[in-house]
């Protein structure tokens, strides 16, 4: 098999300043280990090292590894050599190599990861390479997927199905069984050890969260909330600026957000009463509440325009779920003060409400009849209204 082109590309890396240094150090290390304590071998190793020194000596005109890797021509030659090697060699070797790597590499990686933190500066330097590695991986995937997508559907399906059949699903199923059984036993054992309203696991989570919160200063918590909200708003602004140019995607995103908000509200409902009992009036996020009301009104208009029949059906279900006792309690206590504060808003809403009221008073319900009499008596005061 002729792999001269691939060898030439590899040698071009070894002939750089960095490559020669690495090669020289590698040969010296190999000869040192080979010689051991044997005097004859030590002499032979020194002779060999002296003999190869002219070939691995770093010269001023030698290119650096960075310069070679920034040469577009080198990458074209490397691509051609890799393609030639793949065509002319048995790929089973690569498969066997991959299996060997997957078997033994994790232990070596674990050892490296545990010891590398002795050199923090080197760790930071290595981490700074991650963006370049990710970019390279993404570009490689794009380049690899493009010719795959040009294949016929039946050939592509046949290849993918063959690859999927090679996956050891029996072992995967055993792993799944073990994980599920482990979680089931943990949950069952946690319930058996439960001695109060909270299980031991819930106590553990609670203790961890409390310890975390106690170790963070109040100033840090406040800064976290401020920064989190700021970043959240910036992300949302960027997202919706992009979606604004894609109306169909915007519609799907809004539908997702509405459903998510409703789910969040359902999960948080049982905690709201305890929260409201502790919150101070001056801590109420009035601006956010006002913005929320504005958004709700805009959403109602949008939903009605999209499908008025379904909107009315959903509105009826919503009305039947309102707690009338809570509503009456609100009107009896905070209602008057809320009315005074909302007079500017009510001046615009009242004409609409008055039209709805006109339809309501035509109802023949006994409670409404009495309400009409009381309403007329309040308006006319001393005028006789017995025949109203």
Protein backbone atom coordinates (compact mmCIF):
# COMPACT_ATOMS: atom_id res chain seq x y z
CA UNK A 1 0.00 0.00 0.00
CA UNK A 2 1.33 3.40 -0.99
CA UNK A 3 0.95 5.91 1.86
CA UNK A 4 3.88 8.10 0.87
CA UNK A 5 1.70 11.23 0.72
CA UNK A 6 0.42 10.73 4.27
CA UNK A 7 3.96 10.05 5.48
CA UNK A 8 5.14 13.22 3.76
CA UNK A 9 2.46 15.27 5.55
CA UNK A 10 3.42 13.82 8.92
CA UNK A 11 7.11 14.43 8.28
CA UNK A 12 6.34 18.07 7.42
CA UNK A 13 5.07 18.45 10.98
CA UNK A 14 8.08 16.70 12.45
CA UNK A 15 10.44 18.96 10.51
CA UNK A 16 9.14 22.08 12.26
CA UNK A 17 11.01 23.55 15.21
CA UNK A 18 8.48 22.09 17.62
CA UNK A 19 8.49 18.74 15.81
CA UNK A 20 12.27 18.41 15.83
CA UNK A 21 12.40 19.23 19.54
CA UNK A 22 9.72 16.67 20.28
CA UNK A 23 11.42 14.06 18.06
CA UNK A 24 14.83 14.62 19.65
CA UNK A 25 13.43 14.41 23.18
CA UNK A 26 11.43 11.33 22.27
CA UNK A 27 14.42 9.49 20.77
CA UNK A 28 16.61 10.46 23.73
CA UNK A 29 14.00 9.20 26.18
CA UNK A 30 13.57 5.97 24.21
CA UNK A 31 17.32 5.32 24.07
CA UNK A 32 17.68 6.06 27.79
CA UNK A 33 15.00 3.53 28.66
CA UNK A 34 16.44 1.00 26.19
CA UNK A 35 19.96 1.33 27.58
CA UNK A 36 18.96 1.04 31.21
CA UNK A 37 22.00 0.26 33.40
CA UNK A 38 23.82 -1.62 30.66
CA UNK A 39 27.13 0.17 29.92
CA UNK A 40 27.42 -1.13 26.36
CA UNK A 41 23.88 -0.04 25.53
CA UNK A 42 24.55 3.37 27.04
CA UNK A 43 27.53 3.81 24.74
CA UNK A 44 25.51 2.70 21.71
CA UNK A 45 22.68 5.08 22.70
CA UNK A 46 25.09 8.03 22.90
CA UNK A 47 26.57 7.18 19.50
CA UNK A 48 23.08 6.96 17.95
CA UNK A 49 22.06 10.23 19.58
CA UNK A 50 25.18 11.97 18.24
CA UNK A 51 24.51 10.51 14.80
CA UNK A 52 20.94 11.79 14.56
CA UNK A 53 21.61 15.20 16.13
CA UNK A 54 22.36 16.90 12.75
CA UNK A 55 18.97 15.68 11.44
CA UNK A 56 16.93 16.93 14.39
CA UNK A 57 18.88 20.11 15.08
CA UNK A 58 16.59 23.15 15.17
CA UNK A 59 17.64 25.70 12.56
CA UNK A 60 16.68 29.34 12.19
CA UNK A 61 14.94 28.80 8.85
CA UNK A 62 12.73 26.00 10.19
CA UNK A 63 9.02 26.86 10.34
CA UNK A 64 7.07 26.67 13.55
CA UNK A 65 4.22 24.23 14.08
CA UNK A 66 1.77 27.14 14.24
CA UNK A 67 2.96 28.49 10.88
CA UNK A 68 2.48 25.09 9.21
CA UNK A 69 -1.00 24.65 10.69
CA UNK A 70 -1.96 28.11 9.40
CA UNK A 71 -0.88 27.16 5.87
CA UNK A 72 -3.94 26.41 3.71
CA UNK A 73 -1.80 24.44 1.23
CA UNK A 74 -0.67 22.07 3.98
CA UNK A 75 -4.28 21.35 4.95
CA UNK A 76 -5.18 20.61 1.31
CA UNK A 77 -2.27 18.19 1.10
CA UNK A 78 -3.28 16.65 4.44
CA UNK A 79 -6.85 16.16 3.18
CA UNK A 80 -5.63 14.49 0.01
CA UNK A 81 -3.31 12.20 1.99
CA UNK A 82 -6.07 11.18 4.42
CA UNK A 83 -8.44 10.43 1.53
CA UNK A 84 -5.75 8.40 -0.22
CA UNK A 85 -4.99 6.47 2.95
CA UNK A 86 -8.69 5.70 3.53
CA UNK A 87 -9.11 4.43 -0.03
CA UNK A 88 -5.96 2.32 -0.09
CA UNK A 89 -6.08 0.83 3.43
CA UNK A 90 -8.31 -1.62 5.28
CA UNK A 91 -10.66 0.38 7.53
CA UNK A 92 -11.00 -2.60 9.86
CA UNK A 93 -7.71 -1.46 11.39
CA UNK A 94 -9.32 1.84 12.39
CA UNK A 95 -12.26 -0.01 13.92
CA UNK A 96 -9.96 -2.23 15.97
CA UNK A 97 -7.96 0.81 17.03
CA UNK A 98 -11.14 2.64 18.07
CA UNK A 99 -12.22 -0.34 20.18
CA UNK A 100 -8.80 -0.47 21.84
CA UNK A 101 -8.89 3.27 22.53
CA UNK A 102 -12.39 3.06 24.03
CA UNK A 103 -11.19 0.23 26.27
CA UNK A 104 -7.98 1.71 27.65
CA UNK A 105 -8.14 5.48 27.06
CA UNK A 106 -10.58 6.34 29.90
CA UNK A 107 -8.16 5.19 32.61
CA UNK A 108 -5.34 7.20 31.06
CA UNK A 109 -7.61 10.24 30.74
CA UNK A 110 -8.63 9.89 34.39
CA UNK A 111 -5.00 9.86 35.48
CA UNK A 112 -4.17 12.92 33.38
CA UNK A 113 -7.20 14.86 34.62
CA UNK A 114 -6.34 14.14 38.25
CA UNK A 115 -2.74 15.32 37.95
CA UNK A 116 -3.01 18.21 35.48
CA UNK A 117 -4.53 20.50 38.12
CA UNK A 118 -1.12 20.71 39.72
CA UNK A 119 -0.40 23.20 36.94
CA UNK A 120 -3.36 25.65 36.90
CA UNK A 121 -1.83 27.96 34.25
CA UNK A 122 -1.56 25.05 31.82
CA UNK A 123 -5.17 24.07 32.54
CA UNK A 124 -6.35 27.60 31.70
CA UNK A 125 -4.34 27.53 28.48
CA UNK A 126 -5.85 24.17 27.52
CA UNK A 127 -9.38 25.35 28.32
CA UNK A 128 -8.87 28.39 26.09
CA UNK A 129 -8.48 25.94 23.20
CA UNK A 130 -12.03 24.61 23.65
CA UNK A 131 -13.76 27.20 21.40
CA UNK A 132 -11.35 26.43 18.56
CA UNK A 133 -11.88 22.69 19.05
CA UNK A 134 -15.67 23.11 19.09
CA UNK A 135 -15.55 25.25 15.93
CA UNK A 136 -13.35 22.66 14.25
CA UNK A 137 -15.74 19.88 15.26
CA UNK A 138 -18.79 21.75 13.97
CA UNK A 139 -17.10 22.49 10.64
CA UNK A 140 -15.95 18.89 10.37
CA UNK A 141 -19.48 17.61 11.03
CA UNK A 142 -20.89 20.00 8.41
CA UNK A 143 -18.30 18.86 5.88
CA UNK A 144 -18.98 15.19 6.70
CA UNK A 145 -22.79 15.48 6.60
CA UNK A 146 -22.96 17.36 3.31
CA UNK A 147 -21.88 14.43 1.07
CA UNK A 148 -23.97 12.03 3.17
CA UNK A 149 -27.08 14.12 2.48
CA UNK A 150 -26.34 13.90 -1.24
CA UNK A 151 -26.82 10.12 -1.22
CA UNK A 152 -30.09 8.50 -2.27
CA UNK A 153 -32.66 7.98 0.53
CA UNK A 154 -32.65 4.17 0.23
CA UNK A 155 -28.84 3.93 0.40
CA UNK A 156 -28.71 6.34 3.34
CA UNK A 157 -31.43 4.43 5.19
CA UNK A 158 -29.68 1.12 4.53
CA UNK A 159 -26.35 2.43 5.89
CA UNK A 160 -27.94 3.98 9.00
CA UNK A 161 -29.98 0.85 9.71
CA UNK A 162 -26.85 -1.27 9.38
CA UNK A 163 -25.01 0.98 11.82
CA UNK A 164 -27.92 0.86 14.28
CA UNK A 165 -28.05 -2.93 14.08
CA UNK A 166 -24.39 -3.04 15.13
CA UNK A 167 -25.23 -1.32 18.41
CA UNK A 168 -25.34 -3.83 21.25
CA UNK A 169 -28.97 -3.17 22.20
CA UNK A 170 -28.99 -6.15 24.55
CA UNK A 171 -26.21 -4.60 26.62
CA UNK A 172 -27.94 -1.22 26.36
CA UNK A 173 -31.16 -2.81 27.62
CA UNK A 174 -29.30 -4.42 30.52
CA UNK A 175 -27.80 -1.03 31.40
CA UNK A 176 -31.26 0.55 31.30
CA UNK A 177 -32.66 -2.20 33.52
CA UNK A 178 -29.87 -1.71 36.02
CA UNK A 179 -30.35 2.07 36.12
CA UNK A 180 -34.14 1.84 36.47
CA UNK A 181 -33.86 -0.87 39.12
CA UNK A 182 -31.29 1.22 40.98
CA UNK A 183 -33.58 4.26 40.95
CA UNK A 184 -36.56 2.13 41.97
CA UNK A 185 -34.69 0.61 44.90
CA UNK A 186 -33.45 4.01 45.97
CA UNK A 187 -36.96 5.49 45.84
CA UNK A 188 -38.45 2.49 47.67
CA UNK A 189 -35.77 2.56 50.34
CA UNK A 190 -36.20 6.31 50.74
CA UNK A 191 -39.93 5.83 51.35
CA UNK A 192 -39.28 2.99 53.84
CA UNK A 193 -36.96 5.27 55.82
CA UNK A 194 -39.49 8.10 55.80
CA UNK A 195 -40.38 9.16 59.33
CA UNK A 196 -42.06 12.53 58.72
CA UNK A 197 -43.70 14.49 55.93
CA UNK A 198 -40.33 14.61 54.18
CA UNK A 199 -38.32 11.57 53.12
CA UNK A 200 -34.57 11.29 53.90
CA UNK A 201 -33.74 12.29 50.33
CA UNK A 202 -35.96 15.36 50.61
CA UNK A 203 -34.26 16.19 53.91
CA UNK A 204 -30.88 15.82 52.20
CA UNK A 205 -31.89 18.13 49.36
CA UNK A 206 -33.35 20.61 51.83
CA UNK A 207 -30.18 20.54 53.95
CA UNK A 208 -27.93 21.02 50.92
CA UNK A 209 -29.99 23.95 49.66
CA UNK A 210 -30.11 25.57 53.12
CA UNK A 211 -26.36 25.12 53.56
CA UNK A 212 -25.79 26.64 50.14
CA UNK A 213 -28.07 29.60 50.86
CA UNK A 214 -26.49 30.16 54.27
CA UNK A 215 -23.00 30.20 52.77
CA UNK A 216 -23.94 32.90 50.24
CA UNK A 217 -24.17 36.48 51.49
CA UNK A 218 -27.34 38.52 51.03
CA UNK A 219 -25.46 40.97 48.81
CA UNK A 220 -24.35 38.13 46.55
CA UNK A 221 -27.91 36.80 46.32
CA UNK A 222 -29.22 40.23 45.35
CA UNK A 223 -26.48 40.66 42.74
CA UNK A 224 -27.25 37.20 41.38
CA UNK A 225 -30.94 38.07 40.98
CA UNK A 226 -30.08 41.35 39.26
CA UNK A 227 -27.54 39.77 36.93
CA UNK A 228 -29.76 36.76 36.18
CA UNK A 229 -32.71 38.99 35.25
CA UNK A 230 -30.48 41.25 33.15
CA UNK A 231 -28.96 38.34 31.22
CA UNK A 232 -32.38 36.70 30.86
CA UNK A 233 -33.80 39.91 29.36
CA UNK A 234 -30.85 40.28 27.00
CA UNK A 235 -31.20 36.69 25.81
CA UNK A 236 -34.95 37.11 25.34
CA UNK A 237 -34.48 40.42 23.48
CA UNK A 238 -31.96 38.86 21.11
CA UNK A 239 -34.16 35.81 20.61
CA UNK A 240 -37.32 37.77 19.85
CA UNK A 241 -35.48 40.22 17.59
CA UNK A 242 -34.47 37.20 15.51
CA UNK A 243 -37.92 35.59 15.70
CA UNK A 244 -39.55 38.88 14.72
CA UNK A 245 -38.15 38.29 11.25
CA UNK A 246 -39.61 34.74 11.20
CA UNK A 247 -43.40 35.06 11.92
CA UNK A 248 -44.11 31.32 11.78
CA UNK A 249 -41.29 30.53 14.19
CA UNK A 250 -42.49 33.40 16.39
CA UNK A 251 -45.97 31.86 16.57
CA UNK A 252 -44.58 28.48 17.67
CA UNK A 253 -42.29 30.10 20.24
CA UNK A 254 -45.15 32.16 21.74
CA UNK A 255 -47.31 29.03 21.94
CA UNK A 256 -44.49 27.24 23.76
CA UNK A 257 -43.95 30.13 26.19
CA UNK A 258 -47.68 30.38 26.99
CA UNK A 259 -47.90 26.65 27.71
CA UNK A 260 -44.71 26.82 29.80
CA UNK A 261 -46.06 29.77 31.85
CA UNK A 262 -49.29 27.90 32.54
CA UNK A 263 -47.36 24.81 33.64
CA UNK A 264 -45.13 26.91 35.90
CA UNK A 265 -48.20 28.57 37.43
CA UNK A 266 -49.78 25.17 38.10
CA UNK A 267 -46.63 23.95 39.87
CA UNK A 268 -46.23 27.14 41.90
CA UNK A 269 -49.87 27.51 42.94
CA UNK A 270 -49.51 25.72 46.29
CA UNK A 271 -46.58 27.94 47.32
CA UNK A 272 -48.21 31.29 46.52
CA UNK A 273 -50.29 31.60 49.70
CA UNK A 274 -47.28 31.08 51.98
CA UNK A 275 -45.28 33.58 49.94
CA UNK A 276 -47.99 36.25 50.02
CA UNK A 277 -48.29 35.91 53.82
CA UNK A 278 -44.63 36.89 54.22
CA UNK A 279 -44.05 39.48 51.51
CA UNK A 280 -43.99 43.19 52.38
CA UNK A 281 -46.00 45.67 50.33
CA UNK A 282 -42.91 47.70 49.42
CA UNK A 283 -41.36 44.51 47.98
CA UNK A 284 -44.17 43.90 45.52
CA UNK A 285 -42.83 43.98 41.93
CA UNK A 286 -45.51 46.43 40.76
CA UNK A 287 -43.73 47.27 37.49
CA UNK A 288 -43.44 43.61 36.54
CA UNK A 289 -47.08 43.02 37.46
CA UNK A 290 -48.16 45.93 35.24
CA UNK A 291 -46.04 44.64 32.36
CA UNK A 292 -47.53 41.20 32.91
CA UNK A 293 -51.06 42.61 32.69
CA UNK A 294 -50.13 44.37 29.45
CA UNK A 295 -48.70 41.15 28.02
CA UNK A 296 -51.78 39.18 29.10
CA UNK A 297 -54.09 41.65 27.36
CA UNK A 298 -52.00 41.52 24.18
CA UNK A 299 -52.02 37.72 24.31
CA UNK A 300 -55.82 37.65 24.75
CA UNK A 301 -56.26 39.85 21.68
CA UNK A 302 -53.90 37.67 19.66
CA UNK A 303 -55.62 34.43 20.72
CA UNK A 304 -59.09 35.83 19.97
CA UNK A 305 -58.04 36.96 16.51
CA UNK A 306 -56.48 33.56 15.81
CA UNK A 307 -59.56 31.45 16.73
CA UNK A 308 -62.48 33.21 18.40
CA UNK A 309 -64.56 30.01 18.90
CA UNK A 310 -61.87 28.15 20.82
CA UNK A 311 -60.99 31.30 22.72
CA UNK A 312 -64.56 31.73 23.96
CA UNK A 313 -64.68 28.04 24.96
CA UNK A 314 -61.45 28.41 26.94
CA UNK A 315 -62.73 31.63 28.50
CA UNK A 316 -65.87 29.86 29.73
CA UNK A 317 -63.77 27.14 31.37
CA UNK A 318 -61.61 29.82 32.99
CA UNK A 319 -64.64 31.69 34.37
CA UNK A 320 -66.01 28.56 36.04
CA UNK A 321 -62.69 28.02 37.84
CA UNK A 322 -62.62 31.45 39.51
CA UNK A 323 -63.02 31.19 43.30
CA UNK A 324 -66.04 33.41 44.06
CA UNK A 325 -65.30 33.55 47.79
CA UNK A 326 -61.81 34.88 47.14
CA UNK A 327 -63.26 37.40 44.70
CA UNK A 328 -65.82 38.62 47.27
CA UNK A 329 -63.14 38.87 49.95
CA UNK A 330 -60.98 40.95 47.60
CA UNK A 331 -63.80 43.35 46.81
CA UNK A 332 -64.72 43.74 50.49
CA UNK A 333 -61.16 44.62 51.58
CA UNK A 334 -58.74 45.87 48.94
CA UNK A 335 -61.26 46.55 46.18
CA UNK A 336 -61.97 50.20 47.08
CA UNK A 337 -58.32 51.23 47.17
CA UNK A 338 -57.63 49.39 43.92
CA UNK A 339 -60.56 51.24 42.32
CA UNK A 340 -59.13 54.63 43.31
CA UNK A 341 -55.73 53.74 41.89
CA UNK A 342 -57.21 52.47 38.62
CA UNK A 343 -59.57 55.39 37.92
CA UNK A 344 -57.57 56.50 34.81
CA UNK A 345 -57.77 52.99 33.43
CA UNK A 346 -61.42 52.50 34.36
CA UNK A 347 -62.39 55.70 32.51
CA UNK A 348 -61.46 53.90 29.32
CA UNK A 349 -62.88 50.52 30.36
CA UNK A 350 -66.19 51.76 31.83
CA UNK A 351 -68.01 52.35 28.50
CA UNK A 352 -67.37 48.73 27.57
CA UNK A 353 -68.44 47.51 31.02
CA UNK A 354 -71.59 49.63 30.89
CA UNK A 355 -72.57 47.97 27.61
CA UNK A 356 -72.08 44.55 29.20
CA UNK A 357 -74.07 45.68 32.25
CA UNK A 358 -76.98 46.71 30.02
CA UNK A 359 -77.17 43.15 28.72
CA UNK A 360 -76.83 41.71 32.22
CA UNK A 361 -79.71 43.65 33.80
CA UNK A 362 -82.13 42.22 31.26
CA UNK A 363 -81.67 38.81 32.92
CA UNK A 364 -84.74 37.61 34.90
CA UNK A 365 -82.76 36.01 37.74
CA UNK A 366 -84.23 36.94 41.17
CA UNK A 367 -80.89 38.12 42.57
CA UNK A 368 -80.41 40.35 39.53
CA UNK A 369 -83.94 41.75 39.89
CA UNK A 370 -83.18 42.77 43.47
CA UNK A 371 -79.82 44.21 42.36
CA UNK A 372 -81.67 46.32 39.73
CA UNK A 373 -84.04 47.66 42.39
CA UNK A 374 -81.15 48.54 44.70
CA UNK A 375 -79.21 50.11 41.85
CA UNK A 376 -82.20 52.20 40.74
CA UNK A 377 -82.94 53.26 44.34
CA UNK A 378 -79.33 54.39 44.74
CA UNK A 379 -79.49 56.42 41.53
CA UNK A 380 -82.90 58.00 42.06
CA UNK A 381 -82.57 58.29 45.86
CA UNK A 382 -85.92 59.74 47.04
CA UNK A 383 -87.84 58.92 43.83
CA UNK A 384 -90.38 56.10 44.12
CA UNK A 385 -88.96 52.99 42.42
CA UNK A 386 -91.34 50.30 43.63
CA UNK A 387 -92.44 49.53 40.05
CA UNK A 388 -88.94 49.14 38.67
